[in-house]
N, C-alpha and C. Protein backbone atom coordinates (compact mmCIF):
# COMPACT_ATOMS: atom_id res chain seq x y z
N UNK A 1 -8.72 122.15 19.09
CA UNK A 1 -7.88 121.18 18.47
C UNK A 1 -7.65 120.53 19.10
N UNK A 2 -7.80 119.07 18.99
CA UNK A 2 -7.03 117.84 19.77
C UNK A 2 -5.94 117.60 19.16
N UNK A 3 -4.81 118.27 19.48
CA UNK A 3 -3.49 117.81 19.04
C UNK A 3 -2.87 116.63 20.15
N UNK A 4 -2.56 115.69 19.59
CA UNK A 4 -1.79 114.71 20.39
C UNK A 4 -0.18 114.90 20.49
N UNK A 5 0.35 115.04 21.59
CA UNK A 5 1.34 114.79 22.16
C UNK A 5 2.31 113.53 21.95
N UNK A 6 3.32 113.41 20.92
CA UNK A 6 4.03 111.84 21.08
C UNK A 6 4.98 111.89 21.85
N UNK A 7 5.41 110.87 22.68
CA UNK A 7 6.67 110.84 23.18
C UNK A 7 7.73 110.73 21.95
N UNK A 8 8.82 111.01 22.46
CA UNK A 8 9.96 110.93 21.24
C UNK A 8 10.06 109.28 20.96
N UNK A 9 10.15 108.30 22.38
CA UNK A 9 10.50 107.20 22.22
C UNK A 9 9.31 106.31 21.55
N UNK A 10 8.34 107.24 20.84
CA UNK A 10 7.09 106.94 19.94
C UNK A 10 7.44 106.80 18.39
N UNK A 11 8.17 107.50 18.59
CA UNK A 11 8.09 108.57 17.37
C UNK A 11 9.82 107.41 16.37
N UNK A 12 9.27 107.49 15.07
CA UNK A 12 10.36 106.84 14.49
C UNK A 12 12.08 107.32 14.46
N UNK A 13 12.72 106.83 14.36
CA UNK A 13 14.31 107.44 14.77
C UNK A 13 14.85 107.59 13.74
N UNK A 14 16.23 108.34 13.24
CA UNK A 14 16.38 108.75 12.16
C UNK A 14 17.25 107.30 11.71
N UNK A 15 17.69 106.55 12.61
CA UNK A 15 18.25 105.47 12.12
C UNK A 15 17.51 104.52 11.27
N UNK A 16 16.14 104.53 11.51
CA UNK A 16 15.37 103.83 10.77
C UNK A 16 14.74 104.49 9.41
N UNK A 17 14.73 105.63 9.46
CA UNK A 17 14.59 106.59 8.22
C UNK A 17 15.59 106.07 7.15
N UNK A 18 16.90 106.05 8.20
CA UNK A 18 17.98 106.08 6.94
C UNK A 18 18.06 104.05 6.35
N UNK A 19 17.49 103.64 7.41
CA UNK A 19 17.57 102.13 6.76
C UNK A 19 16.48 101.83 5.74
N UNK A 20 15.73 102.42 5.93
CA UNK A 20 14.32 102.48 4.78
C UNK A 20 14.74 103.56 3.86
N UNK A 21 15.93 104.22 3.96
CA UNK A 21 15.84 104.90 2.78
C UNK A 21 16.88 104.16 1.66
N UNK A 22 18.06 103.40 2.33
CA UNK A 22 18.50 102.27 1.54
C UNK A 22 17.71 101.28 1.16
N UNK A 23 16.67 100.98 1.76
CA UNK A 23 15.71 100.02 1.48
C UNK A 23 14.96 100.81 0.26
N UNK A 24 14.47 101.93 0.03
CA UNK A 24 13.97 102.48 -0.93
C UNK A 24 14.98 102.33 -2.30
N UNK A 25 16.02 102.76 -2.05
CA UNK A 25 16.96 103.11 -3.05
C UNK A 25 17.16 101.65 -3.86
N UNK A 26 17.40 100.47 -2.87
CA UNK A 26 17.75 99.46 -3.10
C UNK A 26 16.41 98.50 -4.44
N UNK A 27 15.40 98.98 -3.64
CA UNK A 27 14.55 98.63 -4.30
C UNK A 27 14.19 98.94 -6.02
N UNK A 28 14.76 100.53 -5.85
CA UNK A 28 14.65 100.68 -7.49
C UNK A 28 15.55 100.21 -8.43
N UNK A 29 16.81 99.84 -7.60
CA UNK A 29 17.82 99.52 -8.56
C UNK A 29 17.20 97.98 -8.60
N UNK A 30 16.61 96.99 -7.76
CA UNK A 30 16.10 95.88 -7.87
C UNK A 30 15.41 95.69 -9.06
N UNK A 31 14.50 96.63 -9.19
CA UNK A 31 13.26 96.29 -10.58
C UNK A 31 13.93 96.96 -11.81
N UNK A 32 15.16 97.33 -11.80
CA UNK A 32 15.66 97.13 -13.31
C UNK A 32 15.63 96.23 -14.16
N UNK A 33 15.05 96.27 -15.41
CA UNK A 33 14.92 95.03 -16.12
C UNK A 33 16.31 94.87 -16.23
N UNK A 34 16.69 93.41 -16.80
CA UNK A 34 17.61 92.87 -17.14
C UNK A 34 19.11 93.02 -16.27
N UNK A 35 18.78 93.02 -14.91
CA UNK A 35 19.79 93.35 -14.04
C UNK A 35 20.40 91.85 -13.76
N UNK A 36 19.41 91.06 -13.53
CA UNK A 36 20.10 89.68 -13.42
C UNK A 36 21.15 89.04 -14.37
N UNK A 37 21.11 89.55 -15.58
CA UNK A 37 21.66 89.04 -16.81
C UNK A 37 23.45 89.35 -16.38
N UNK A 38 23.58 90.58 -15.71
CA UNK A 38 25.03 90.65 -15.65
C UNK A 38 25.36 89.87 -13.68
N UNK A 39 25.93 88.69 -14.11
CA UNK A 39 26.12 88.00 -12.80
C UNK A 39 26.87 88.64 -11.88
N UNK A 40 27.87 89.08 -11.99
CA UNK A 40 28.56 89.37 -10.65
C UNK A 40 28.15 90.44 -10.04
N UNK A 41 27.33 91.52 -10.86
CA UNK A 41 27.01 92.71 -10.43
C UNK A 41 25.16 92.00 -9.45
N UNK A 42 24.67 90.98 -10.19
CA UNK A 42 23.45 90.65 -9.46
C UNK A 42 23.57 90.07 -8.23
N UNK A 43 24.75 89.04 -7.93
CA UNK A 43 25.59 88.26 -6.91
C UNK A 43 25.69 89.59 -5.58
N UNK A 44 26.20 90.28 -5.83
CA UNK A 44 26.85 91.96 -5.08
C UNK A 44 25.45 92.22 -4.70
N UNK A 45 24.46 92.70 -5.50
CA UNK A 45 23.02 93.21 -4.95
C UNK A 45 22.46 92.22 -4.48
N UNK A 46 22.41 90.86 -4.56
CA UNK A 46 21.64 89.84 -3.78
C UNK A 46 22.24 89.78 -2.08
N UNK A 47 23.35 89.83 -2.13
CA UNK A 47 24.44 89.91 -1.02
C UNK A 47 23.76 90.89 -0.26
N UNK A 48 24.08 92.53 -0.88
CA UNK A 48 23.39 93.19 -0.18
C UNK A 48 21.98 93.39 0.65
N UNK A 49 21.22 92.97 -0.16
CA UNK A 49 19.88 92.66 -0.06
C UNK A 49 19.64 91.87 1.35
N UNK A 50 20.20 90.66 1.28
CA UNK A 50 20.63 89.51 2.44
C UNK A 50 20.56 90.68 3.54
N UNK A 51 21.71 91.10 3.71
CA UNK A 51 22.90 91.97 4.75
C UNK A 51 21.44 93.23 5.03
N UNK A 52 20.89 93.90 4.27
CA UNK A 52 19.86 94.82 4.33
C UNK A 52 18.77 94.18 5.01
N UNK A 53 18.61 93.09 5.00
CA UNK A 53 16.88 92.64 5.54
C UNK A 53 17.44 92.21 7.19
N UNK A 54 18.88 91.71 7.42
CA UNK A 54 19.10 91.84 8.75
C UNK A 54 19.16 93.45 9.49
N UNK A 55 19.82 93.90 8.53
CA UNK A 55 19.54 95.31 9.17
C UNK A 55 18.10 95.80 9.51
N UNK A 56 17.22 95.72 8.63
CA UNK A 56 16.36 95.98 9.31
C UNK A 56 15.44 95.19 10.18
N UNK A 57 15.86 93.93 10.15
CA UNK A 57 15.18 93.23 11.38
C UNK A 57 15.88 93.07 12.80
N UNK A 58 17.53 93.76 12.69
CA UNK A 58 18.24 93.77 13.90
C UNK A 58 18.43 95.12 14.24
N UNK A 59 18.59 95.90 13.38
CA UNK A 59 19.10 97.36 13.30
C UNK A 59 20.17 97.49 14.29
N UNK A 60 21.20 96.32 13.86
CA UNK A 60 22.76 96.75 14.37
C UNK A 60 23.82 97.19 13.77
N UNK A 61 24.94 97.39 14.30
CA UNK A 61 25.92 98.42 13.80
C UNK A 61 27.23 97.15 12.91
N UNK A 62 26.72 96.07 12.55
CA UNK A 62 27.62 94.71 12.08
C UNK A 62 27.09 95.01 10.79
N UNK A 63 26.08 94.86 10.65
CA UNK A 63 24.87 95.14 9.42
C UNK A 63 25.44 96.42 8.54
N UNK A 64 26.06 97.67 9.55
CA UNK A 64 25.77 98.65 8.52
C UNK A 64 27.57 98.42 7.84
N UNK A 65 28.12 98.10 8.96
CA UNK A 65 29.85 98.13 8.11
C UNK A 65 29.45 96.98 6.86
N UNK A 66 28.82 95.81 7.27
CA UNK A 66 28.72 94.87 6.07
C UNK A 66 28.10 95.41 4.95
N UNK A 67 26.87 96.02 5.09
CA UNK A 67 26.45 96.90 3.88
C UNK A 67 27.59 97.77 3.18
N UNK A 68 28.53 98.55 3.99
CA UNK A 68 29.15 99.73 3.22
C UNK A 68 30.14 98.84 2.64
N UNK A 69 30.69 97.88 3.20
CA UNK A 69 31.98 96.68 2.51
C UNK A 69 31.09 96.07 0.92
N UNK A 70 29.91 95.69 0.91
CA UNK A 70 29.25 94.85 0.19
C UNK A 70 29.33 96.16 -1.08
N UNK A 71 28.66 97.10 -0.69
CA UNK A 71 28.43 97.93 -1.34
C UNK A 71 29.74 98.78 -2.18
N UNK A 72 30.77 99.00 -1.60
CA UNK A 72 31.87 99.39 -2.05
C UNK A 72 32.17 98.20 -3.72
N UNK A 73 31.69 97.23 -3.27
CA UNK A 73 32.23 96.31 -4.71
C UNK A 73 31.29 96.34 -5.77
N UNK A 74 30.48 97.09 -5.64
CA UNK A 74 29.45 97.94 -6.90
C UNK A 74 30.42 99.04 -7.66
N UNK A 75 31.33 99.52 -7.08
CA UNK A 75 32.13 100.09 -7.86
C UNK A 75 33.87 99.82 -8.42
N UNK A 76 33.59 98.91 -9.41
CA UNK A 76 35.06 98.03 -9.67
C UNK A 76 35.89 99.18 -9.97
N UNK A 77 36.92 99.01 -9.84
CA UNK A 77 38.14 99.77 -9.99
C UNK A 77 37.88 101.28 -9.56
N UNK A 78 36.79 101.32 -8.97
CA UNK A 78 36.62 102.76 -8.09
C UNK A 78 35.44 103.63 -9.34
N UNK A 79 34.69 103.00 -10.32
CA UNK A 79 34.19 103.41 -11.33
C UNK A 79 32.95 103.04 -10.94
N UNK A 80 31.69 103.42 -11.51
CA UNK A 80 30.56 102.86 -11.25
C UNK A 80 30.39 101.86 -12.68
N UNK A 81 29.71 100.82 -12.47
CA UNK A 81 29.46 99.94 -13.53
C UNK A 81 28.77 99.95 -14.61
N UNK A 82 29.34 100.31 -15.84
CA UNK A 82 28.25 100.79 -16.76
C UNK A 82 26.88 100.06 -16.72
N UNK A 83 26.74 99.11 -16.26
CA UNK A 83 25.09 98.81 -15.97
C UNK A 83 24.33 99.85 -15.41
N UNK A 84 24.81 100.30 -14.19
CA UNK A 84 24.36 101.40 -13.73
C UNK A 84 24.31 102.50 -14.12
N UNK A 85 25.12 102.78 -15.13
CA UNK A 85 25.07 104.30 -16.45
C UNK A 85 24.09 104.01 -17.11
N UNK A 86 24.20 102.98 -17.64
CA UNK A 86 22.99 102.82 -18.59
C UNK A 86 21.57 102.90 -18.49
N UNK A 87 21.39 101.99 -16.97
CA UNK A 87 19.92 102.39 -16.52
C UNK A 87 19.98 103.73 -15.88
N UNK A 88 20.84 104.45 -15.70
CA UNK A 88 20.74 105.82 -15.28
C UNK A 88 20.28 105.62 -13.57
N UNK A 89 20.95 104.67 -12.99
CA UNK A 89 20.92 104.77 -11.49
C UNK A 89 21.66 105.27 -10.78
N UNK A 90 22.42 106.51 -11.10
CA UNK A 90 23.50 107.06 -10.03
C UNK A 90 22.61 107.41 -8.87
N UNK A 91 21.55 108.13 -9.42
CA UNK A 91 21.20 108.49 -8.14
C UNK A 91 20.77 107.81 -7.29
N UNK A 92 19.75 106.56 -7.44
CA UNK A 92 19.94 105.42 -6.52
C UNK A 92 21.04 105.10 -5.88
N UNK A 93 22.12 104.91 -6.25
CA UNK A 93 23.20 104.55 -5.75
C UNK A 93 23.73 105.43 -4.95
N UNK A 94 24.07 106.77 -5.13
CA UNK A 94 24.20 108.08 -4.44
C UNK A 94 23.18 108.18 -3.34
N UNK A 95 21.90 107.90 -3.53
CA UNK A 95 20.98 107.89 -2.17
C UNK A 95 21.34 106.68 -0.97
N UNK A 96 21.92 105.68 -1.43
CA UNK A 96 22.26 104.52 -0.97
C UNK A 96 23.46 104.89 -0.08
N UNK A 97 24.35 105.42 -0.88
CA UNK A 97 25.59 105.88 -0.03
C UNK A 97 25.22 107.30 0.75
N UNK A 98 24.55 107.73 0.58
CA UNK A 98 24.02 108.85 1.47
C UNK A 98 23.44 108.39 3.18
N UNK A 99 22.82 107.39 2.75
CA UNK A 99 21.71 106.90 3.86
C UNK A 99 22.84 105.89 4.61
N UNK A 100 23.80 105.24 4.10
CA UNK A 100 24.93 104.60 4.62
C UNK A 100 25.93 105.28 5.74
N UNK A 101 26.10 106.63 4.74
CA UNK A 101 26.85 107.62 5.26
C UNK A 101 26.80 108.04 6.73
N UNK A 102 24.96 108.20 6.74
CA UNK A 102 24.19 108.88 7.75
C UNK A 102 24.49 107.68 8.75
N UNK A 103 23.45 106.33 8.30
CA UNK A 103 23.79 105.44 9.50
C UNK A 103 25.39 104.98 10.67
N UNK A 104 26.41 105.37 9.27
CA UNK A 104 27.54 104.82 10.03
C UNK A 104 27.70 105.83 11.10
N UNK A 105 27.56 107.49 10.65
CA UNK A 105 27.12 108.71 11.83
C UNK A 105 26.53 108.50 13.10
N UNK A 106 25.18 107.82 12.69
CA UNK A 106 24.22 107.41 13.52
C UNK A 106 24.82 106.14 14.61
N UNK A 107 25.58 105.35 14.23
CA UNK A 107 26.00 104.45 14.80
C UNK A 107 27.24 104.21 15.44
N UNK A 108 28.27 105.65 14.71
CA UNK A 108 29.30 106.49 15.57
C UNK A 108 30.56 105.49 14.83
N UNK A 109 30.56 105.32 13.72
CA UNK A 109 31.18 104.06 12.97
C UNK A 109 32.12 104.91 11.88
N UNK A 110 32.24 106.43 12.46
CA UNK A 110 32.79 107.11 11.08
C UNK A 110 34.26 106.40 10.65
N UNK A 111 34.83 105.69 11.81
CA UNK A 111 36.19 105.04 11.07
C UNK A 111 36.16 104.23 9.57
N UNK A 112 35.02 104.04 9.68
CA UNK A 112 34.68 103.04 8.72
C UNK A 112 33.82 103.38 7.02
N UNK A 113 34.81 103.90 6.11
CA UNK A 113 34.90 104.81 5.37
C UNK A 113 34.44 103.79 3.88
């Protein structure tokens, strides 16, 4: 068998995996019909998307911090917005939350919760 051994540096990083995890769940949320009708939430999601593009492009810790701050705005008064509940999007929000948590650990940003 001709098994190819790849260098660790040629393999995808954990950071990249978590970044694309955020993108995956974000894309699920953005495909939800009627989302643009709720202007405040839609604005938060578009801000999140712009910052996510920067994270994908530059992979820097500042974007992780900014995404975490923006993500918190999706939970007014500490509760999930009814739009997410009615569209059964809690799993996607949980996925984003978990990926952001892991990214903060990867970038050694545990102090930013």
